[in-house]
Amino acid sequence: MIRKVVGIHFSPAGVAAGMTDRLAKQLSEILNSCSAETVTTETYELLELNDESVVLDDEAVAVIGMPVYVGKVPLPAISALENIRANGTMAVVVVSYGARTYGNALYELQHYAEELGFRIIGAGAFTARYRRHGAGSSGYQYTGDRESLEQFGKAAAAKIARLGGSEIKSLRVKPAPLEVAGRLPIHRISRISPKAAAAAQGILERLAVRRRASEWFL
């Protein structure tokens, strides 16, 4: 049985955090409505873990969210994700992007999360607009494709209920491998710092003429 939804994000600007928290809350509410057990929620910002380990089990569902920097996920985010100890934990991985393409970021995040022991049952890339909370604020809010994110959340919750709805492990449905197109990219700018990668992403967004639509896979 699923008893906990855990939001995990790397979000220097706050946009990926808003997306991740929104999706985690939706999954928790839907799973709560169809479960005899109370489904709780937790949130972890990878920037704040400071090498502290977080241990999860197969009664949790993780929502792992990161921004896209020049078609990739930031290397510091992958390094920080290694502090999460997954033990067959189901997870959905999501990335937020503001330019025409999210590149190989979604494939990359799925690959590394699976290497760390997560069972990835869903993945999505969602367009985002970087808009400040208010004057004088250094943070941003998620004002992106909320409709697609909500549709993805509903479909992901239904799949999670099918896969993790039994107390008996042998009776649980085994998910088919998730196929997200892409390859592992070569990191250059994001090896320097998240700030340098974010600046490069900003340049890419200003040069972009049109936006690509959100995509998700289940």
C-alpha atoms as a PDB file:
ATOM      1  CA  MET A   1       0.000   0.000   0.000  1.00  0.00           C
ATOM      2  CA  ILE A   2       1.132   3.543  -0.708  1.00  0.00           C
ATOM      3  CA  ARG A   3       1.249   5.538   2.515  1.00  0.00           C
ATOM      4  CA  LYS A   4       3.380   8.533   1.593  1.00  0.00           C
ATOM      5  CA  VAL A   5       4.043  10.899  -1.325  1.00  0.00           C
ATOM      6  CA  VAL A   6       7.480  12.517  -1.210  1.00  0.00           C
ATOM      7  CA  GLY A   7       8.335  15.598  -3.251  1.00  0.00           C
ATOM      8  CA  ILE A   8      12.040  15.885  -4.091  1.00  0.00           C
ATOM      9  CA  HIS A   9      13.316  18.874  -6.038  1.00  0.00           C
ATOM     10  CA  PHE A  10      16.376  20.856  -7.011  1.00  0.00           C
ATOM     11  CA  SER A  11      15.114  24.358  -7.580  1.00  0.00           C
ATOM     12  CA  PRO A  12      17.437  27.371  -7.258  1.00  0.00           C
ATOM     13  CA  ALA A  13      14.780  29.667  -8.780  1.00  0.00           C
ATOM     14  CA  GLY A  14      11.768  27.981  -7.170  1.00  0.00           C
ATOM     15  CA  VAL A  15      10.014  27.059 -10.433  1.00  0.00           C
ATOM     16  CA  ALA A  16      10.770  23.322 -10.324  1.00  0.00           C
ATOM     17  CA  ALA A  17       9.822  23.336  -6.629  1.00  0.00           C
ATOM     18  CA  GLY A  18       6.408  24.814  -7.431  1.00  0.00           C
ATOM     19  CA  MET A  19       5.826  22.246 -10.155  1.00  0.00           C
ATOM     20  CA  THR A  20       6.957  19.323  -7.975  1.00  0.00           C
ATOM     21  CA  ASP A  21       4.972  20.382  -4.906  1.00  0.00           C
ATOM     22  CA  ARG A  22       1.842  20.952  -6.998  1.00  0.00           C
ATOM     23  CA  LEU A  23       2.075  17.460  -8.492  1.00  0.00           C
ATOM     24  CA  ALA A  24       2.919  15.793  -5.161  1.00  0.00           C
ATOM     25  CA  LYS A  25      -0.089  17.446  -3.501  1.00  0.00           C
ATOM     26  CA  GLN A  26      -2.388  16.315  -6.318  1.00  0.00           C
ATOM     27  CA  LEU A  27      -1.150  12.709  -6.134  1.00  0.00           C
ATOM     28  CA  SER A  28      -1.580  12.679  -2.356  1.00  0.00           C
ATOM     29  CA  GLU A  29      -5.152  14.000  -2.562  1.00  0.00           C
ATOM     30  CA  ILE A  30      -6.199  11.490  -5.215  1.00  0.00           C
ATOM     31  CA  LEU A  31      -4.550   8.515  -3.484  1.00  0.00           C
ATOM     32  CA  ASN A  32      -6.109   9.586  -0.175  1.00  0.00           C
ATOM     33  CA  SER A  33      -9.553   9.545  -1.746  1.00  0.00           C
ATOM     34  CA  CYS A  34      -9.254   5.887  -2.778  1.00  0.00           C
ATOM     35  CA  SER A  35      -7.245   4.473   0.137  1.00  0.00           C
ATOM     36  CA  ALA A  36      -8.274   3.151   3.519  1.00  0.00           C
ATOM     37  CA  GLU A  37      -4.986   4.490   4.879  1.00  0.00           C
ATOM     38  CA  THR A  38      -4.055   8.153   5.290  1.00  0.00           C
ATOM     39  CA  VAL A  39      -1.514   9.156   2.640  1.00  0.00           C
ATOM     40  CA  THR A  40       0.920  11.716   4.044  1.00  0.00           C
ATOM     41  CA  THR A  41       3.252  14.077   2.192  1.00  0.00           C
ATOM     42  CA  GLU A  42       6.861  15.157   2.682  1.00  0.00           C
ATOM     43  CA  THR A  43       9.052  17.558   0.728  1.00  0.00           C
ATOM     44  CA  TYR A  44      12.826  17.718   0.341  1.00  0.00           C
ATOM     45  CA  GLU A  45      14.828  20.453  -1.379  1.00  0.00           C
ATOM     46  CA  LEU A  46      18.076  18.835  -2.534  1.00  0.00           C
ATOM     47  CA  LEU A  47      19.945  22.127  -2.116  1.00  0.00           C
ATOM     48  CA  GLU A  48      19.232  21.971   1.628  1.00  0.00           C
ATOM     49  CA  LEU A  49      20.080  18.330   2.405  1.00  0.00           C
ATOM     50  CA  ASN A  50      23.779  19.018   3.147  1.00  0.00           C
ATOM     51  CA  ASP A  51      24.755  15.352   2.651  1.00  0.00           C
ATOM     52  CA  GLU A  52      21.926  14.215   4.951  1.00  0.00           C
ATOM     53  CA  SER A  53      20.545  10.859   3.822  1.00  0.00           C
ATOM     54  CA  VAL A  54      16.825  10.260   3.280  1.00  0.00           C
ATOM     55  CA  VAL A  55      15.664   6.631   3.213  1.00  0.00           C
ATOM     56  CA  LEU A  56      12.511   5.648   1.315  1.00  0.00           C
ATOM     57  CA  ASP A  57      10.740   2.312   0.896  1.00  0.00           C
ATOM     58  CA  ASP A  58       8.190   0.710  -1.430  1.00  0.00           C
ATOM     59  CA  GLU A  59       5.286   2.240   0.517  1.00  0.00           C
ATOM     60  CA  ALA A  60       6.279   5.692  -0.728  1.00  0.00           C
ATOM     61  CA  VAL A  61       5.886   7.415  -4.085  1.00  0.00           C
ATOM     62  CA  ALA A  62       8.454  10.039  -5.023  1.00  0.00           C
ATOM     63  CA  VAL A  63       7.939  13.031  -7.290  1.00  0.00           C
ATOM     64  CA  ILE A  64      11.375  14.141  -8.487  1.00  0.00           C
ATOM     65  CA  GLY A  65      11.480  17.546 -10.160  1.00  0.00           C
ATOM     66  CA  MET A  66      14.331  19.555 -11.665  1.00  0.00           C
ATOM     67  CA  PRO A  67      14.823  22.490 -14.039  1.00  0.00           C
ATOM     68  CA  VAL A  68      16.345  22.137 -17.501  1.00  0.00           C
ATOM     69  CA  TYR A  69      19.627  23.954 -18.058  1.00  0.00           C
ATOM     70  CA  VAL A  70      20.618  24.060 -21.744  1.00  0.00           C
ATOM     71  CA  GLY A  71      18.842  20.774 -22.496  1.00  0.00           C
ATOM     72  CA  LYS A  72      20.240  18.963 -19.442  1.00  0.00           C
ATOM     73  CA  VAL A  73      19.565  18.542 -15.743  1.00  0.00           C
ATOM     74  CA  PRO A  74      22.180  20.293 -13.580  1.00  0.00           C
ATOM     75  CA  LEU A  75      25.013  18.060 -12.382  1.00  0.00           C
ATOM     76  CA  PRO A  76      24.834  19.367  -8.792  1.00  0.00           C
ATOM     77  CA  ALA A  77      21.228  18.130  -8.746  1.00  0.00           C
ATOM     78  CA  ILE A  78      22.245  14.600  -9.774  1.00  0.00           C
ATOM     79  CA  SER A  79      24.977  14.604  -7.148  1.00  0.00           C
ATOM     80  CA  ALA A  80      22.558  15.748  -4.429  1.00  0.00           C
ATOM     81  CA  LEU A  81      19.973  13.144  -5.488  1.00  0.00           C
ATOM     82  CA  GLU A  82      22.438  10.448  -4.428  1.00  0.00           C
ATOM     83  CA  ASN A  83      21.535  11.317  -0.813  1.00  0.00           C
ATOM     84  CA  ILE A  84      18.098   9.788  -1.365  1.00  0.00           C
ATOM     85  CA  ARG A  85      18.152   6.059  -0.624  1.00  0.00           C
ATOM     86  CA  ALA A  86      15.452   4.370  -2.695  1.00  0.00           C
ATOM     87  CA  ASN A  87      14.480   0.761  -2.062  1.00  0.00           C
ATOM     88  CA  GLY A  88      12.216  -0.018  -4.976  1.00  0.00           C
ATOM     89  CA  THR A  89      10.341   3.243  -4.441  1.00  0.00           C
ATOM     90  CA  MET A  90       7.968   4.135  -7.278  1.00  0.00           C
ATOM     91  CA  ALA A  91       8.617   7.575  -8.725  1.00  0.00           C
ATOM     92  CA  VAL A  92       7.575  10.020 -11.379  1.00  0.00           C
ATOM     93  CA  VAL A  93      10.238  12.355 -12.748  1.00  0.00           C
ATOM     94  CA  VAL A  94       9.424  15.798 -14.114  1.00  0.00           C
ATOM     95  CA  VAL A  95      11.398  18.695 -15.551  1.00  0.00           C
ATOM     96  CA  SER A  96      10.440  22.325 -16.123  1.00  0.00           C
ATOM     97  CA  TYR A  97      11.727  24.193 -19.157  1.00  0.00           C
ATOM     98  CA  GLY A  98      11.145  27.564 -20.743  1.00  0.00           C
ATOM     99  CA  ALA A  99      12.746  27.279 -24.168  1.00  0.00           C
ATOM    100  CA  ARG A 100      11.759  25.395 -27.312  1.00  0.00           C
ATOM    101  CA  THR A 101      13.087  22.029 -26.187  1.00  0.00           C
ATOM    102  CA  TYR A 102      13.974  20.172 -23.014  1.00  0.00           C
ATOM    103  CA  GLY A 103      16.735  18.291 -24.842  1.00  0.00           C
ATOM    104  CA  ASN A 104      17.841  15.081 -23.122  1.00  0.00           C
ATOM    105  CA  ALA A 105      17.003  16.274 -19.604  1.00  0.00           C
ATOM    106  CA  LEU A 106      13.996  14.001 -19.027  1.00  0.00           C
ATOM    107  CA  TYR A 107      15.814  10.913 -20.285  1.00  0.00           C
ATOM    108  CA  GLU A 108      18.817  11.843 -18.169  1.00  0.00           C
ATOM    109  CA  LEU A 109      16.764  12.279 -14.991  1.00  0.00           C
ATOM    110  CA  GLN A 110      14.967   8.980 -15.550  1.00  0.00           C
ATOM    111  CA  HIS A 111      18.290   7.187 -16.137  1.00  0.00           C
ATOM    112  CA  TYR A 112      19.985   8.471 -12.988  1.00  0.00           C
ATOM    113  CA  ALA A 113      16.922   7.973 -10.797  1.00  0.00           C
ATOM    114  CA  GLU A 114      16.672   4.350 -11.933  1.00  0.00           C
ATOM    115  CA  GLU A 115      20.367   3.876 -11.196  1.00  0.00           C
ATOM    116  CA  LEU A 116      19.668   5.020  -7.627  1.00  0.00           C
ATOM    117  CA  GLY A 117      16.984   2.361  -7.138  1.00  0.00           C
ATOM    118  CA  PHE A 118      13.758   4.187  -8.061  1.00  0.00           C
ATOM    119  CA  ARG A 119      11.102   2.449 -10.167  1.00  0.00           C
ATOM    120  CA  ILE A 120      10.117   5.132 -12.667  1.00  0.00           C
ATOM    121  CA  ILE A 121       6.478   4.759 -13.659  1.00  0.00           C
ATOM    122  CA  GLY A 122       5.945   8.182 -15.230  1.00  0.00           C
ATOM    123  CA  ALA A 123       7.887  11.092 -16.701  1.00  0.00           C
ATOM    124  CA  GLY A 124       6.963  14.538 -17.935  1.00  0.00           C
ATOM    125  CA  ALA A 125       8.461  17.757 -19.282  1.00  0.00           C
ATOM    126  CA  PHE A 126       6.347  20.850 -18.663  1.00  0.00           C
ATOM    127  CA  THR A 127       6.740  24.327 -20.044  1.00  0.00           C
ATOM    128  CA  ALA A 128       7.198  27.079 -17.483  1.00  0.00           C
ATOM    129  CA  ARG A 129       7.282  30.844 -17.360  1.00  0.00           C
ATOM    130  CA  TYR A 130       9.769  32.395 -14.978  1.00  0.00           C
ATOM    131  CA  ARG A 131       7.808  35.122 -13.199  1.00  0.00           C
ATOM    132  CA  ARG A 132       8.847  36.712  -9.914  1.00  0.00           C
ATOM    133  CA  HIS A 133       6.603  36.430  -6.855  1.00  0.00           C
ATOM    134  CA  GLY A 134       6.675  40.208  -6.405  1.00  0.00           C
ATOM    135  CA  ALA A 135       8.821  43.310  -6.328  1.00  0.00           C
ATOM    136  CA  GLY A 136      12.092  42.770  -4.538  1.00  0.00           C
ATOM    137  CA  SER A 137      11.693  38.994  -4.470  1.00  0.00           C
ATOM    138  CA  SER A 138      14.464  36.716  -5.675  1.00  0.00           C
ATOM    139  CA  GLY A 139      12.108  33.731  -5.999  1.00  0.00           C
ATOM    140  CA  TYR A 140       9.899  32.639  -8.870  1.00  0.00           C
ATOM    141  CA  GLN A 141       6.583  30.860  -9.037  1.00  0.00           C
ATOM    142  CA  TYR A 142       5.422  28.064 -11.300  1.00  0.00           C
ATOM    143  CA  THR A 143       3.113  29.656 -13.859  1.00  0.00           C
ATOM    144  CA  GLY A 144       3.559  27.117 -16.608  1.00  0.00           C
ATOM    145  CA  ASP A 145       1.366  24.505 -18.271  1.00  0.00           C
ATOM    146  CA  ARG A 146      -0.828  23.685 -15.281  1.00  0.00           C
ATOM    147  CA  GLU A 147      -3.467  21.962 -17.408  1.00  0.00           C
ATOM    148  CA  SER A 148      -1.023  19.361 -18.753  1.00  0.00           C
ATOM    149  CA  LEU A 149       0.504  18.927 -15.294  1.00  0.00           C
ATOM    150  CA  GLU A 150      -2.939  18.238 -13.820  1.00  0.00           C
ATOM    151  CA  GLN A 151      -3.801  15.737 -16.553  1.00  0.00           C
ATOM    152  CA  PHE A 152      -0.489  13.976 -15.969  1.00  0.00           C
ATOM    153  CA  GLY A 153      -1.172  13.884 -12.219  1.00  0.00           C
ATOM    154  CA  LYS A 154      -4.575  12.251 -12.668  1.00  0.00           C
ATOM    155  CA  ALA A 155      -3.183   9.599 -15.019  1.00  0.00           C
ATOM    156  CA  ALA A 156      -0.129   8.975 -12.809  1.00  0.00           C
ATOM    157  CA  ALA A 157      -2.302   8.585  -9.685  1.00  0.00           C
ATOM    158  CA  ALA A 158      -4.471   5.991 -11.450  1.00  0.00           C
ATOM    159  CA  LYS A 159      -1.373   4.034 -12.480  1.00  0.00           C
ATOM    160  CA  ILE A 160       0.115   4.236  -8.980  1.00  0.00           C
ATOM    161  CA  ALA A 161      -3.142   2.927  -7.483  1.00  0.00           C
ATOM    162  CA  ARG A 162      -3.011  -0.069  -9.835  1.00  0.00           C
ATOM    163  CA  LEU A 163       0.643  -0.812  -9.155  1.00  0.00           C
ATOM    164  CA  GLY A 164       0.756  -0.279  -5.402  1.00  0.00           C
ATOM    165  CA  GLY A 165      -2.769  -0.989  -4.210  1.00  0.00           C
ATOM    166  CA  SER A 166      -2.112  -4.386  -2.637  1.00  0.00           C
ATOM    167  CA  GLU A 167      -0.501  -5.209   0.700  1.00  0.00           C
ATOM    168  CA  ILE A 168       0.814  -8.455  -0.830  1.00  0.00           C
ATOM    169  CA  LYS A 169       3.834  -7.737  -3.015  1.00  0.00           C
ATOM    170  CA  SER A 170       3.341 -10.819  -5.195  1.00  0.00           C
ATOM    171  CA  LEU A 171      -0.113  -9.562  -6.209  1.00  0.00           C
ATOM    172  CA  ARG A 172       1.063  -6.141  -7.324  1.00  0.00           C
ATOM    173  CA  VAL A 173       1.028  -5.375 -11.042  1.00  0.00           C
ATOM    174  CA  LYS A 174       4.500  -5.139 -12.563  1.00  0.00           C
ATOM    175  CA  PRO A 175       4.961  -1.952 -14.627  1.00  0.00           C
ATOM    176  CA  ALA A 176       6.244  -2.106 -18.185  1.00  0.00           C
ATOM    177  CA  PRO A 177       9.553  -0.294 -18.785  1.00  0.00           C
ATOM    178  CA  LEU A 178       9.039   3.411 -19.434  1.00  0.00           C
ATOM    179  CA  GLU A 179      10.411   4.514 -22.790  1.00  0.00           C
ATOM    180  CA  VAL A 180      11.550   8.130 -22.942  1.00  0.00           C
ATOM    181  CA  ALA A 181      13.592   9.064 -26.016  1.00  0.00           C
ATOM    182  CA  GLY A 182      17.010  10.593 -25.513  1.00  0.00           C
ATOM    183  CA  ARG A 183      20.624   9.937 -24.638  1.00  0.00           C
ATOM    184  CA  LEU A 184      23.001  10.818 -21.841  1.00  0.00           C
ATOM    185  CA  PRO A 185      24.405  14.259 -22.707  1.00  0.00           C
ATOM    186  CA  ILE A 186      27.909  15.608 -22.216  1.00  0.00           C
ATOM    187  CA  HIS A 187      27.942  18.241 -19.479  1.00  0.00           C
ATOM    188  CA  ARG A 188      30.099  21.303 -19.911  1.00  0.00           C
ATOM    189  CA  ILE A 189      28.437  24.491 -18.681  1.00  0.00           C
ATOM    190  CA  SER A 190      26.609  22.770 -15.831  1.00  0.00           C
ATOM    191  CA  ARG A 191      29.928  21.465 -14.495  1.00  0.00           C
ATOM    192  CA  ILE A 192      30.846  25.063 -13.642  1.00  0.00           C
ATOM    193  CA  SER A 193      27.913  26.017 -11.423  1.00  0.00           C
ATOM    194  CA  PRO A 194      24.106  26.141 -11.384  1.00  0.00           C
ATOM    195  CA  LYS A 195      24.351  29.926 -11.793  1.00  0.00           C
ATOM    196  CA  ALA A 196      26.372  29.641 -15.020  1.00  0.00           C
ATOM    197  CA  ALA A 197      24.000  26.990 -16.370  1.00  0.00           C
ATOM    198  CA  ALA A 198      20.951  29.077 -15.471  1.00  0.00           C
ATOM    199  CA  ALA A 199      22.465  32.086 -17.259  1.00  0.00           C
ATOM    200  CA  ALA A 200      23.040  29.977 -20.377  1.00  0.00           C
ATOM    201  CA  GLN A 201      19.459  28.717 -20.188  1.00  0.00           C
ATOM    202  CA  GLY A 202      18.251  32.324 -19.986  1.00  0.00           C
ATOM    203  CA  ILE A 203      20.119  33.179 -23.183  1.00  0.00           C
ATOM    204  CA  LEU A 204      18.593  30.140 -24.889  1.00  0.00           C
ATOM    205  CA  GLU A 205      15.101  31.235 -23.839  1.00  0.00           C
ATOM    206  CA  ARG A 206      15.595  34.757 -25.167  1.00  0.00           C
ATOM    207  CA  LEU A 207      16.714  33.358 -28.516  1.00  0.00           C
ATOM    208  CA  ALA A 208      13.799  30.954 -28.745  1.00  0.00           C
ATOM    209  CA  VAL A 209      11.084  31.971 -31.208  1.00  0.00           C
ATOM    210  CA  ARG A 210       8.412  29.478 -30.192  1.00  0.00           C
ATOM    211  CA  ARG A 211       7.739  27.106 -27.337  1.00  0.00           C
ATOM    212  CA  ARG A 212       7.413  23.371 -27.570  1.00  0.00           C
ATOM    213  CA  ALA A 213       4.376  21.823 -25.868  1.00  0.00           C
ATOM    214  CA  SER A 214       4.561  19.860 -22.641  1.00  0.00           C
ATOM    215  CA  GLU A 215       4.995  16.097 -23.006  1.00  0.00           C
ATOM    216  CA  TRP A 216       4.486  13.234 -20.620  1.00  0.00           C
ATOM    217  CA  PHE A 217       4.907   9.460 -20.600  1.00  0.00           C
ATOM    218  CA  LEU A 218       3.218   6.743 -18.543  1.00  0.00           C
END
